[in-house]
Amino acid sequence: MFQNRAEALALALPAAVFATLVFLLPVAILLSEGFRASGGWTLSAYTDFFSGTLNRTVFLRSFRLGLEVTAASAVIGYAAAFAIVNLPAKGKGRMIGLVTLPLMISPVARTYAWIVILGRTGIVNQAITGLGFSAEPLRLLFTETAVFIGLLQLFLPLMILSLISALENMPRDAIPAARVLGANWFQVFWKVVLPLTREGLVIGGTLVFTGSLTAYITPAVLGGSKVLMLETLMYQQVSVANDFVSASVIAFILIVMSFAANILLKRLATARNRR
């Protein structure tokens, strides 16, 4: 397409400069705040952050919920993707459209809908009290369970779409061949399907885990101040405490965790495929 490499680089230069000035430079300035103190470079802000009991609790909660949402979305995503891939072409298109539909709705609207569902007078509590399981409405909002459900509903479509793409690229005769050779369904999934769809799982897992870590609206609305996550804690540090150093530390932690998740998933998939 291009006569030489210099021509291609020249055409890409304006976009690279724009991305550097608008995105990379502000992020670099923000992240550098956590390493600067008293005119020098130090890690004291990070040691101070992890020395606080609340900060450690929030960090571990965010990491654990991210893992739980990713694991649950992978289990549900494989089941849904298998069902969709095996549908006729017309039905497959409709189901993919239904999976994609939530992504076209604002996360704010999708999150506030859970208040109607999980509130004291919501559908769930009405069903619980109506069936006699509890005399009083249960406190479902502002709990880790509510945050987990909201994040799972928010990012599950990304996992399903990633796995659908991976399953469609898998050889059609792989599963029948494994069954003919005597493999049960667990062996088929573990030794055939999982290695052949590892790229889709890596992409979906990265999107879900990163999204669960960095989402703000869902934890803020469904968790409130009782279930703080790293992103809600970062908002408090900026808007309430005016502490940009702590916010920079949290931002750096989120970025590192996101990159680490992607690298770890890729290595696990590669190691599993080699075995």
C-alpha atoms as a PDB file:
ATOM      1  CA  MET A   1       0.000   0.000   0.000  1.00  0.00           C
ATOM      2  CA  PHE A   2       2.836   2.392   0.863  1.00  0.00           C
ATOM      3  CA  GLN A   3       5.980   2.779  -1.211  1.00  0.00           C
ATOM      4  CA  ASN A   4       8.252   2.861   1.831  1.00  0.00           C
ATOM      5  CA  ARG A   5       8.140   2.716   5.610  1.00  0.00           C
ATOM      6  CA  ALA A   6       8.847   6.430   6.013  1.00  0.00           C
ATOM      7  CA  GLU A   7       5.673   7.300   4.132  1.00  0.00           C
ATOM      8  CA  ALA A   8       3.589   5.076   6.419  1.00  0.00           C
ATOM      9  CA  LEU A   9       5.187   6.588   9.539  1.00  0.00           C
ATOM     10  CA  ALA A  10       4.587  10.111   8.227  1.00  0.00           C
ATOM     11  CA  LEU A  11       0.890   9.394   7.761  1.00  0.00           C
ATOM     12  CA  ALA A  12       0.638   7.909  11.260  1.00  0.00           C
ATOM     13  CA  LEU A  13       2.560  10.764  12.882  1.00  0.00           C
ATOM     14  CA  PRO A  14      -0.379  13.190  13.337  1.00  0.00           C
ATOM     15  CA  ALA A  15      -2.460  10.540  15.107  1.00  0.00           C
ATOM     16  CA  ALA A  16       0.512   9.578  17.288  1.00  0.00           C
ATOM     17  CA  VAL A  17       1.166  13.193  18.260  1.00  0.00           C
ATOM     18  CA  PHE A  18      -2.508  13.762  19.044  1.00  0.00           C
ATOM     19  CA  ALA A  19      -2.712  10.615  21.205  1.00  0.00           C
ATOM     20  CA  THR A  20       0.481  11.585  23.028  1.00  0.00           C
ATOM     21  CA  LEU A  21      -0.626  15.123  23.826  1.00  0.00           C
ATOM     22  CA  VAL A  22      -4.258  14.347  24.659  1.00  0.00           C
ATOM     23  CA  PHE A  23      -3.930  10.968  26.365  1.00  0.00           C
ATOM     24  CA  LEU A  24      -0.427   9.761  27.184  1.00  0.00           C
ATOM     25  CA  LEU A  25       1.009  13.033  28.506  1.00  0.00           C
ATOM     26  CA  PRO A  26      -1.839  13.805  30.958  1.00  0.00           C
ATOM     27  CA  VAL A  27      -1.800  10.217  32.219  1.00  0.00           C
ATOM     28  CA  ALA A  28       1.982  10.350  32.670  1.00  0.00           C
ATOM     29  CA  ILE A  29       1.701  13.608  34.626  1.00  0.00           C
ATOM     30  CA  LEU A  30      -1.017  12.126  36.831  1.00  0.00           C
ATOM     31  CA  LEU A  31       0.924   8.953  37.528  1.00  0.00           C
ATOM     32  CA  SER A  32       4.112  10.868  38.304  1.00  0.00           C
ATOM     33  CA  GLU A  33       2.371  12.575  41.238  1.00  0.00           C
ATOM     34  CA  GLY A  34       2.576   9.343  43.211  1.00  0.00           C
ATOM     35  CA  PHE A  35       6.373   9.183  42.868  1.00  0.00           C
ATOM     36  CA  ARG A  36       7.140  12.808  43.725  1.00  0.00           C
ATOM     37  CA  ALA A  37       7.381  14.051  47.307  1.00  0.00           C
ATOM     38  CA  SER A  38       9.366  16.938  48.803  1.00  0.00           C
ATOM     39  CA  GLY A  39      10.994  17.660  45.469  1.00  0.00           C
ATOM     40  CA  GLY A  40      12.375  14.138  44.987  1.00  0.00           C
ATOM     41  CA  TRP A  41      11.343  10.756  43.659  1.00  0.00           C
ATOM     42  CA  THR A  42      10.195   8.257  46.260  1.00  0.00           C
ATOM     43  CA  LEU A  43       7.843   5.329  46.894  1.00  0.00           C
ATOM     44  CA  SER A  44       6.611   6.707  50.200  1.00  0.00           C
ATOM     45  CA  ALA A  45       3.135   7.412  48.798  1.00  0.00           C
ATOM     46  CA  TYR A  46       2.736   3.727  47.924  1.00  0.00           C
ATOM     47  CA  THR A  47       3.986   2.490  51.291  1.00  0.00           C
ATOM     48  CA  ASP A  48       1.665   4.947  53.029  1.00  0.00           C
ATOM     49  CA  PHE A  49      -1.246   3.765  50.913  1.00  0.00           C
ATOM     50  CA  PHE A  50      -0.786   0.079  51.682  1.00  0.00           C
ATOM     51  CA  SER A  51      -0.075   0.762  55.356  1.00  0.00           C
ATOM     52  CA  GLY A  52      -3.704   1.871  55.825  1.00  0.00           C
ATOM     53  CA  THR A  53      -6.161  -0.843  56.812  1.00  0.00           C
ATOM     54  CA  LEU A  54      -8.996   0.695  54.787  1.00  0.00           C
ATOM     55  CA  ASN A  55      -6.858   0.957  51.671  1.00  0.00           C
ATOM     56  CA  ARG A  56      -5.753  -2.665  51.919  1.00  0.00           C
ATOM     57  CA  THR A  57      -9.354  -3.775  52.423  1.00  0.00           C
ATOM     58  CA  VAL A  58     -10.522  -1.810  49.389  1.00  0.00           C
ATOM     59  CA  PHE A  59      -7.652  -3.143  47.269  1.00  0.00           C
ATOM     60  CA  LEU A  60      -8.338  -6.779  48.199  1.00  0.00           C
ATOM     61  CA  ARG A  61     -12.096  -6.333  47.710  1.00  0.00           C
ATOM     62  CA  SER A  62     -11.616  -4.835  44.252  1.00  0.00           C
ATOM     63  CA  PHE A  63      -9.195  -7.575  43.243  1.00  0.00           C
ATOM     64  CA  ARG A  64     -11.450 -10.344  44.593  1.00  0.00           C
ATOM     65  CA  LEU A  65     -14.616  -9.004  42.977  1.00  0.00           C
ATOM     66  CA  GLY A  66     -12.758  -8.591  39.687  1.00  0.00           C
ATOM     67  CA  LEU A  67     -11.702 -12.246  39.800  1.00  0.00           C
ATOM     68  CA  GLU A  68     -15.172 -13.413  40.803  1.00  0.00           C
ATOM     69  CA  VAL A  69     -16.894 -11.462  38.039  1.00  0.00           C
ATOM     70  CA  THR A  70     -14.362 -12.716  35.475  1.00  0.00           C
ATOM     71  CA  ALA A  71     -14.735 -16.348  36.564  1.00  0.00           C
ATOM     72  CA  ALA A  72     -18.540 -16.170  36.603  1.00  0.00           C
ATOM     73  CA  SER A  73     -18.657 -14.479  33.210  1.00  0.00           C
ATOM     74  CA  ALA A  74     -16.365 -17.165  31.755  1.00  0.00           C
ATOM     75  CA  VAL A  75     -18.616 -19.997  33.013  1.00  0.00           C
ATOM     76  CA  ILE A  76     -21.834 -18.329  31.871  1.00  0.00           C
ATOM     77  CA  GLY A  77     -20.174 -17.045  28.699  1.00  0.00           C
ATOM     78  CA  TYR A  78     -19.048 -20.492  27.525  1.00  0.00           C
ATOM     79  CA  ALA A  79     -22.531 -21.939  28.069  1.00  0.00           C
ATOM     80  CA  ALA A  80     -24.195 -19.045  26.253  1.00  0.00           C
ATOM     81  CA  ALA A  81     -21.630 -18.995  23.439  1.00  0.00           C
ATOM     82  CA  PHE A  82     -22.004 -22.744  22.830  1.00  0.00           C
ATOM     83  CA  ALA A  83     -25.786 -22.393  22.658  1.00  0.00           C
ATOM     84  CA  ILE A  84     -25.610 -19.438  20.260  1.00  0.00           C
ATOM     85  CA  VAL A  85     -22.981 -20.949  17.943  1.00  0.00           C
ATOM     86  CA  ASN A  86     -25.035 -24.121  17.494  1.00  0.00           C
ATOM     87  CA  LEU A  87     -28.162 -22.209  16.458  1.00  0.00           C
ATOM     88  CA  PRO A  88     -29.230 -21.825  12.824  1.00  0.00           C
ATOM     89  CA  ALA A  89     -27.920 -18.738  11.064  1.00  0.00           C
ATOM     90  CA  LYS A  90     -31.141 -16.752  11.513  1.00  0.00           C
ATOM     91  CA  GLY A  91     -31.469 -17.577  15.190  1.00  0.00           C
ATOM     92  CA  LYS A  92     -27.781 -16.950  15.769  1.00  0.00           C
ATOM     93  CA  GLY A  93     -28.046 -13.445  14.376  1.00  0.00           C
ATOM     94  CA  ARG A  94     -31.010 -12.665  16.610  1.00  0.00           C
ATOM     95  CA  MET A  95     -29.290 -13.964  19.745  1.00  0.00           C
ATOM     96  CA  ILE A  96     -26.104 -12.036  18.991  1.00  0.00           C
ATOM     97  CA  GLY A  97     -28.276  -8.956  18.575  1.00  0.00           C
ATOM     98  CA  LEU A  98     -29.843  -9.563  22.000  1.00  0.00           C
ATOM     99  CA  VAL A  99     -26.404 -10.008  23.557  1.00  0.00           C
ATOM    100  CA  THR A 100     -25.168  -6.810  21.931  1.00  0.00           C
ATOM    101  CA  LEU A 101     -28.273  -4.788  22.852  1.00  0.00           C
ATOM    102  CA  PRO A 102     -27.240  -4.070  26.483  1.00  0.00           C
ATOM    103  CA  LEU A 103     -23.972  -2.570  25.237  1.00  0.00           C
ATOM    104  CA  MET A 104     -26.014   0.098  23.428  1.00  0.00           C
ATOM    105  CA  ILE A 105     -27.695   1.180  26.680  1.00  0.00           C
ATOM    106  CA  SER A 106     -25.973   3.600  29.028  1.00  0.00           C
ATOM    107  CA  PRO A 107     -24.278   1.899  32.003  1.00  0.00           C
ATOM    108  CA  VAL A 108     -25.963   4.518  34.197  1.00  0.00           C
ATOM    109  CA  ALA A 109     -29.435   3.374  33.134  1.00  0.00           C
ATOM    110  CA  ARG A 110     -28.481  -0.293  33.429  1.00  0.00           C
ATOM    111  CA  THR A 111     -27.112   0.269  36.923  1.00  0.00           C
ATOM    112  CA  TYR A 112     -30.055   2.288  38.196  1.00  0.00           C
ATOM    113  CA  ALA A 113     -32.379  -0.455  36.965  1.00  0.00           C
ATOM    114  CA  TRP A 114     -30.861  -2.709  39.633  1.00  0.00           C
ATOM    115  CA  ILE A 115     -32.100  -0.293  42.305  1.00  0.00           C
ATOM    116  CA  VAL A 116     -35.648  -1.041  41.152  1.00  0.00           C
ATOM    117  CA  ILE A 117     -34.912  -4.771  41.191  1.00  0.00           C
ATOM    118  CA  LEU A 118     -32.909  -5.048  44.436  1.00  0.00           C
ATOM    119  CA  GLY A 119     -34.498  -2.250  46.499  1.00  0.00           C
ATOM    120  CA  ARG A 120     -36.575  -2.850  49.627  1.00  0.00           C
ATOM    121  CA  THR A 121     -39.742  -2.586  47.548  1.00  0.00           C
ATOM    122  CA  GLY A 122     -38.146  -4.118  44.456  1.00  0.00           C
ATOM    123  CA  ILE A 123     -39.101  -7.209  42.521  1.00  0.00           C
ATOM    124  CA  VAL A 124     -36.733  -9.527  44.403  1.00  0.00           C
ATOM    125  CA  ASN A 125     -37.869  -8.479  47.885  1.00  0.00           C
ATOM    126  CA  GLN A 126     -41.504  -8.615  46.835  1.00  0.00           C
ATOM    127  CA  ALA A 127     -40.990 -12.191  45.665  1.00  0.00           C
ATOM    128  CA  ILE A 128     -39.124 -13.141  48.864  1.00  0.00           C
ATOM    129  CA  THR A 129     -41.758 -11.711  51.196  1.00  0.00           C
ATOM    130  CA  GLY A 130     -44.632 -12.893  49.018  1.00  0.00           C
ATOM    131  CA  LEU A 131     -43.391 -16.492  49.056  1.00  0.00           C
ATOM    132  CA  GLY A 132     -42.889 -16.350  52.807  1.00  0.00           C
ATOM    133  CA  PHE A 133     -39.107 -16.753  52.839  1.00  0.00           C
ATOM    134  CA  SER A 134     -38.727 -13.643  54.974  1.00  0.00           C
ATOM    135  CA  ALA A 135     -41.107 -11.493  57.011  1.00  0.00           C
ATOM    136  CA  GLU A 136     -39.133  -8.325  56.306  1.00  0.00           C
ATOM    137  CA  PRO A 137     -37.471  -7.111  53.092  1.00  0.00           C
ATOM    138  CA  LEU A 138     -33.800  -8.033  52.862  1.00  0.00           C
ATOM    139  CA  ARG A 139     -31.016  -5.475  52.501  1.00  0.00           C
ATOM    140  CA  LEU A 140     -29.744  -6.309  49.043  1.00  0.00           C
ATOM    141  CA  LEU A 141     -28.487  -2.893  47.982  1.00  0.00           C
ATOM    142  CA  PHE A 142     -25.146  -1.519  49.219  1.00  0.00           C
ATOM    143  CA  THR A 143     -23.658  -4.999  49.514  1.00  0.00           C
ATOM    144  CA  GLU A 144     -20.880  -6.825  47.690  1.00  0.00           C
ATOM    145  CA  THR A 145     -23.516  -9.111  46.185  1.00  0.00           C
ATOM    146  CA  ALA A 146     -25.248  -6.146  44.546  1.00  0.00           C
ATOM    147  CA  VAL A 147     -21.951  -4.852  43.156  1.00  0.00           C
ATOM    148  CA  PHE A 148     -21.078  -8.329  41.868  1.00  0.00           C
ATOM    149  CA  ILE A 149     -24.447  -8.706  40.110  1.00  0.00           C
ATOM    150  CA  GLY A 150     -24.224  -5.232  38.596  1.00  0.00           C
ATOM    151  CA  LEU A 151     -20.685  -5.743  37.283  1.00  0.00           C
ATOM    152  CA  LEU A 152     -21.509  -9.198  35.930  1.00  0.00           C
ATOM    153  CA  GLN A 153     -24.525  -7.875  34.034  1.00  0.00           C
ATOM    154  CA  LEU A 154     -22.468  -4.946  32.780  1.00  0.00           C
ATOM    155  CA  PHE A 155     -19.547  -6.892  31.289  1.00  0.00           C
ATOM    156  CA  LEU A 156     -20.943 -10.367  30.562  1.00  0.00           C
ATOM    157  CA  PRO A 157     -21.814  -9.458  26.923  1.00  0.00           C
ATOM    158  CA  LEU A 158     -18.139  -8.716  26.236  1.00  0.00           C
ATOM    159  CA  MET A 159     -17.155 -12.216  27.357  1.00  0.00           C
ATOM    160  CA  ILE A 160     -19.941 -13.868  25.382  1.00  0.00           C
ATOM    161  CA  LEU A 161     -19.061 -12.039  22.160  1.00  0.00           C
ATOM    162  CA  SER A 162     -15.357 -12.882  22.557  1.00  0.00           C
ATOM    163  CA  LEU A 163     -16.127 -16.578  23.083  1.00  0.00           C
ATOM    164  CA  ILE A 164     -18.594 -16.681  20.190  1.00  0.00           C
ATOM    165  CA  SER A 165     -15.873 -15.406  17.865  1.00  0.00           C
ATOM    166  CA  ALA A 166     -13.398 -17.984  19.203  1.00  0.00           C
ATOM    167  CA  LEU A 167     -15.858 -20.876  18.939  1.00  0.00           C
ATOM    168  CA  GLU A 168     -16.786 -19.981  15.375  1.00  0.00           C
ATOM    169  CA  ASN A 169     -13.107 -20.169  14.401  1.00  0.00           C
ATOM    170  CA  MET A 170     -12.716 -23.606  16.008  1.00  0.00           C
ATOM    171  CA  PRO A 171     -12.703 -26.587  13.601  1.00  0.00           C
ATOM    172  CA  ARG A 172     -16.196 -28.039  13.351  1.00  0.00           C
ATOM    173  CA  ASP A 173     -15.002 -31.645  13.550  1.00  0.00           C
ATOM    174  CA  ALA A 174     -12.889 -31.168  16.705  1.00  0.00           C
ATOM    175  CA  ILE A 175     -15.633 -32.014  19.212  1.00  0.00           C
ATOM    176  CA  PRO A 176     -17.122 -34.971  17.256  1.00  0.00           C
ATOM    177  CA  ALA A 177     -13.619 -36.398  16.772  1.00  0.00           C
ATOM    178  CA  ALA A 178     -12.898 -36.169  20.501  1.00  0.00           C
ATOM    179  CA  ARG A 179     -16.209 -37.851  21.322  1.00  0.00           C
ATOM    180  CA  VAL A 180     -15.528 -40.663  18.851  1.00  0.00           C
ATOM    181  CA  LEU A 181     -12.163 -41.254  20.530  1.00  0.00           C
ATOM    182  CA  GLY A 182     -13.929 -41.790  23.856  1.00  0.00           C
ATOM    183  CA  ALA A 183     -13.569 -38.430  25.583  1.00  0.00           C
ATOM    184  CA  ASN A 184     -16.364 -37.386  27.918  1.00  0.00           C
ATOM    185  CA  TRP A 185     -17.779 -33.873  27.838  1.00  0.00           C
ATOM    186  CA  PHE A 186     -15.469 -32.595  30.563  1.00  0.00           C
ATOM    187  CA  GLN A 187     -12.420 -33.928  28.713  1.00  0.00           C
ATOM    188  CA  VAL A 188     -13.724 -32.446  25.464  1.00  0.00           C
ATOM    189  CA  PHE A 189     -13.988 -29.021  27.036  1.00  0.00           C
ATOM    190  CA  TRP A 190     -10.726 -29.155  29.004  1.00  0.00           C
ATOM    191  CA  LYS A 191      -8.491 -30.710  26.351  1.00  0.00           C
ATOM    192  CA  VAL A 192     -10.102 -29.569  23.092  1.00  0.00           C
ATOM    193  CA  VAL A 193     -12.392 -26.561  23.430  1.00  0.00           C
ATOM    194  CA  LEU A 194     -10.418 -24.593  26.016  1.00  0.00           C
ATOM    195  CA  PRO A 195      -7.052 -24.715  24.176  1.00  0.00           C
ATOM    196  CA  LEU A 196      -8.684 -23.866  20.842  1.00  0.00           C
ATOM    197  CA  THR A 197     -10.620 -20.892  22.256  1.00  0.00           C
ATOM    198  CA  ARG A 198      -7.910 -19.544  24.572  1.00  0.00           C
ATOM    199  CA  GLU A 199      -7.523 -16.319  22.583  1.00  0.00           C
ATOM    200  CA  GLY A 200     -11.189 -15.469  23.006  1.00  0.00           C
ATOM    201  CA  LEU A 201     -10.975 -16.270  26.710  1.00  0.00           C
ATOM    202  CA  VAL A 202      -7.905 -14.056  27.109  1.00  0.00           C
ATOM    203  CA  ILE A 203      -9.578 -11.132  25.337  1.00  0.00           C
ATOM    204  CA  GLY A 204     -12.869 -11.557  27.175  1.00  0.00           C
ATOM    205  CA  GLY A 205     -11.171 -12.099  30.531  1.00  0.00           C
ATOM    206  CA  THR A 206      -9.039  -8.992  30.093  1.00  0.00           C
ATOM    207  CA  LEU A 207     -12.028  -6.851  29.151  1.00  0.00           C
ATOM    208  CA  VAL A 208     -14.161  -8.115  32.033  1.00  0.00           C
ATOM    209  CA  PHE A 209     -11.443  -7.973  34.698  1.00  0.00           C
ATOM    210  CA  THR A 210     -10.223  -4.537  33.615  1.00  0.00           C
ATOM    211  CA  GLY A 211     -13.759  -3.231  33.344  1.00  0.00           C
ATOM    212  CA  SER A 212     -14.664  -4.567  36.788  1.00  0.00           C
ATOM    213  CA  LEU A 213     -11.628  -2.850  38.299  1.00  0.00           C
ATOM    214  CA  THR A 214     -12.144   0.502  36.626  1.00  0.00           C
ATOM    215  CA  ALA A 215     -15.960   0.803  36.592  1.00  0.00           C
ATOM    216  CA  TYR A 216     -17.188   3.668  38.731  1.00  0.00           C
ATOM    217  CA  ILE A 217     -20.957   4.096  38.301  1.00  0.00           C
ATOM    218  CA  THR A 218     -21.945   0.541  39.259  1.00  0.00           C
ATOM    219  CA  PRO A 219     -19.912   0.286  42.512  1.00  0.00           C
ATOM    220  CA  ALA A 220     -20.852   3.842  43.467  1.00  0.00           C
ATOM    221  CA  VAL A 221     -24.595   3.292  43.001  1.00  0.00           C
ATOM    222  CA  LEU A 222     -24.964  -0.318  44.151  1.00  0.00           C
ATOM    223  CA  GLY A 223     -22.193  -0.328  46.760  1.00  0.00           C
ATOM    224  CA  GLY A 224     -22.205   3.232  48.022  1.00  0.00           C
ATOM    225  CA  SER A 225     -19.886   4.156  50.863  1.00  0.00           C
ATOM    226  CA  LYS A 226     -20.366   0.760  52.517  1.00  0.00           C
ATOM    227  CA  VAL A 227     -18.691  -1.199  49.717  1.00  0.00           C
ATOM    228  CA  LEU A 228     -15.824   0.965  48.555  1.00  0.00           C
ATOM    229  CA  MET A 229     -13.880  -0.067  45.482  1.00  0.00           C
ATOM    230  CA  LEU A 230     -10.608   1.379  44.208  1.00  0.00           C
ATOM    231  CA  GLU A 231     -12.312   3.626  41.676  1.00  0.00           C
ATOM    232  CA  THR A 232     -14.832   5.008  44.210  1.00  0.00           C
ATOM    233  CA  LEU A 233     -12.010   5.503  46.703  1.00  0.00           C
ATOM    234  CA  MET A 234     -10.051   7.407  44.057  1.00  0.00           C
ATOM    235  CA  TYR A 235     -13.058   9.664  43.427  1.00  0.00           C
ATOM    236  CA  GLN A 236     -13.307  10.388  47.143  1.00  0.00           C
ATOM    237  CA  GLN A 237      -9.618  11.226  47.359  1.00  0.00           C
ATOM    238  CA  VAL A 238      -9.974  13.783  44.566  1.00  0.00           C
ATOM    239  CA  SER A 239     -13.401  15.306  45.196  1.00  0.00           C
ATOM    240  CA  VAL A 240     -13.557  15.163  49.000  1.00  0.00           C
ATOM    241  CA  ALA A 241     -10.007  15.047  50.358  1.00  0.00           C
ATOM    242  CA  ASN A 242      -8.407  16.893  47.412  1.00  0.00           C
ATOM    243  CA  ASP A 243      -5.560  14.364  47.655  1.00  0.00           C
ATOM    244  CA  PHE A 244      -4.190  13.972  44.136  1.00  0.00           C
ATOM    245  CA  VAL A 245      -1.199  11.974  45.348  1.00  0.00           C
ATOM    246  CA  SER A 246      -3.366   9.155  46.695  1.00  0.00           C
ATOM    247  CA  ALA A 247      -5.503   9.307  43.559  1.00  0.00           C
ATOM    248  CA  SER A 248      -2.353   8.963  41.467  1.00  0.00           C
ATOM    249  CA  VAL A 249      -1.326   5.910  43.500  1.00  0.00           C
ATOM    250  CA  ILE A 250      -4.719   4.283  42.950  1.00  0.00           C
ATOM    251  CA  ALA A 251      -4.644   5.074  39.229  1.00  0.00           C
ATOM    252  CA  PHE A 252      -1.191   3.514  38.899  1.00  0.00           C
ATOM    253  CA  ILE A 253      -2.349   0.412  40.794  1.00  0.00           C
ATOM    254  CA  LEU A 254      -5.352   0.034  38.483  1.00  0.00           C
ATOM    255  CA  ILE A 255      -3.187   0.325  35.366  1.00  0.00           C
ATOM    256  CA  VAL A 256      -0.651  -2.194  36.682  1.00  0.00           C
ATOM    257  CA  MET A 257      -3.386  -4.670  37.643  1.00  0.00           C
ATOM    258  CA  SER A 258      -4.995  -4.361  34.209  1.00  0.00           C
ATOM    259  CA  PHE A 259      -1.737  -5.028  32.344  1.00  0.00           C
ATOM    260  CA  ALA A 260      -0.793  -7.810  34.759  1.00  0.00           C
ATOM    261  CA  ALA A 261      -4.147  -9.538  34.209  1.00  0.00           C
ATOM    262  CA  ASN A 262      -3.687  -9.505  30.445  1.00  0.00           C
ATOM    263  CA  ILE A 263      -0.112 -10.828  30.651  1.00  0.00           C
ATOM    264  CA  LEU A 264      -1.072 -13.536  33.165  1.00  0.00           C
ATOM    265  CA  LEU A 265      -4.031 -14.729  31.107  1.00  0.00           C
ATOM    266  CA  LYS A 266      -1.874 -14.919  27.990  1.00  0.00           C
ATOM    267  CA  ARG A 267       0.823 -16.904  29.788  1.00  0.00           C
ATOM    268  CA  LEU A 268      -1.683 -19.284  31.345  1.00  0.00           C
ATOM    269  CA  ALA A 269      -3.290 -19.885  27.954  1.00  0.00           C
ATOM    270  CA  THR A 270       0.096 -20.463  26.313  1.00  0.00           C
ATOM    271  CA  ALA A 271       1.241 -22.821  29.073  1.00  0.00           C
ATOM    272  CA  ARG A 272      -2.027 -24.758  28.921  1.00  0.00           C
ATOM    273  CA  ASN A 273      -1.733 -25.119  25.144  1.00  0.00           C
ATOM    274  CA  ARG A 274       1.871 -26.387  25.376  1.00  0.00           C
ATOM    275  CA  ARG A 275       0.891 -29.073  27.873  1.00  0.00           C
END
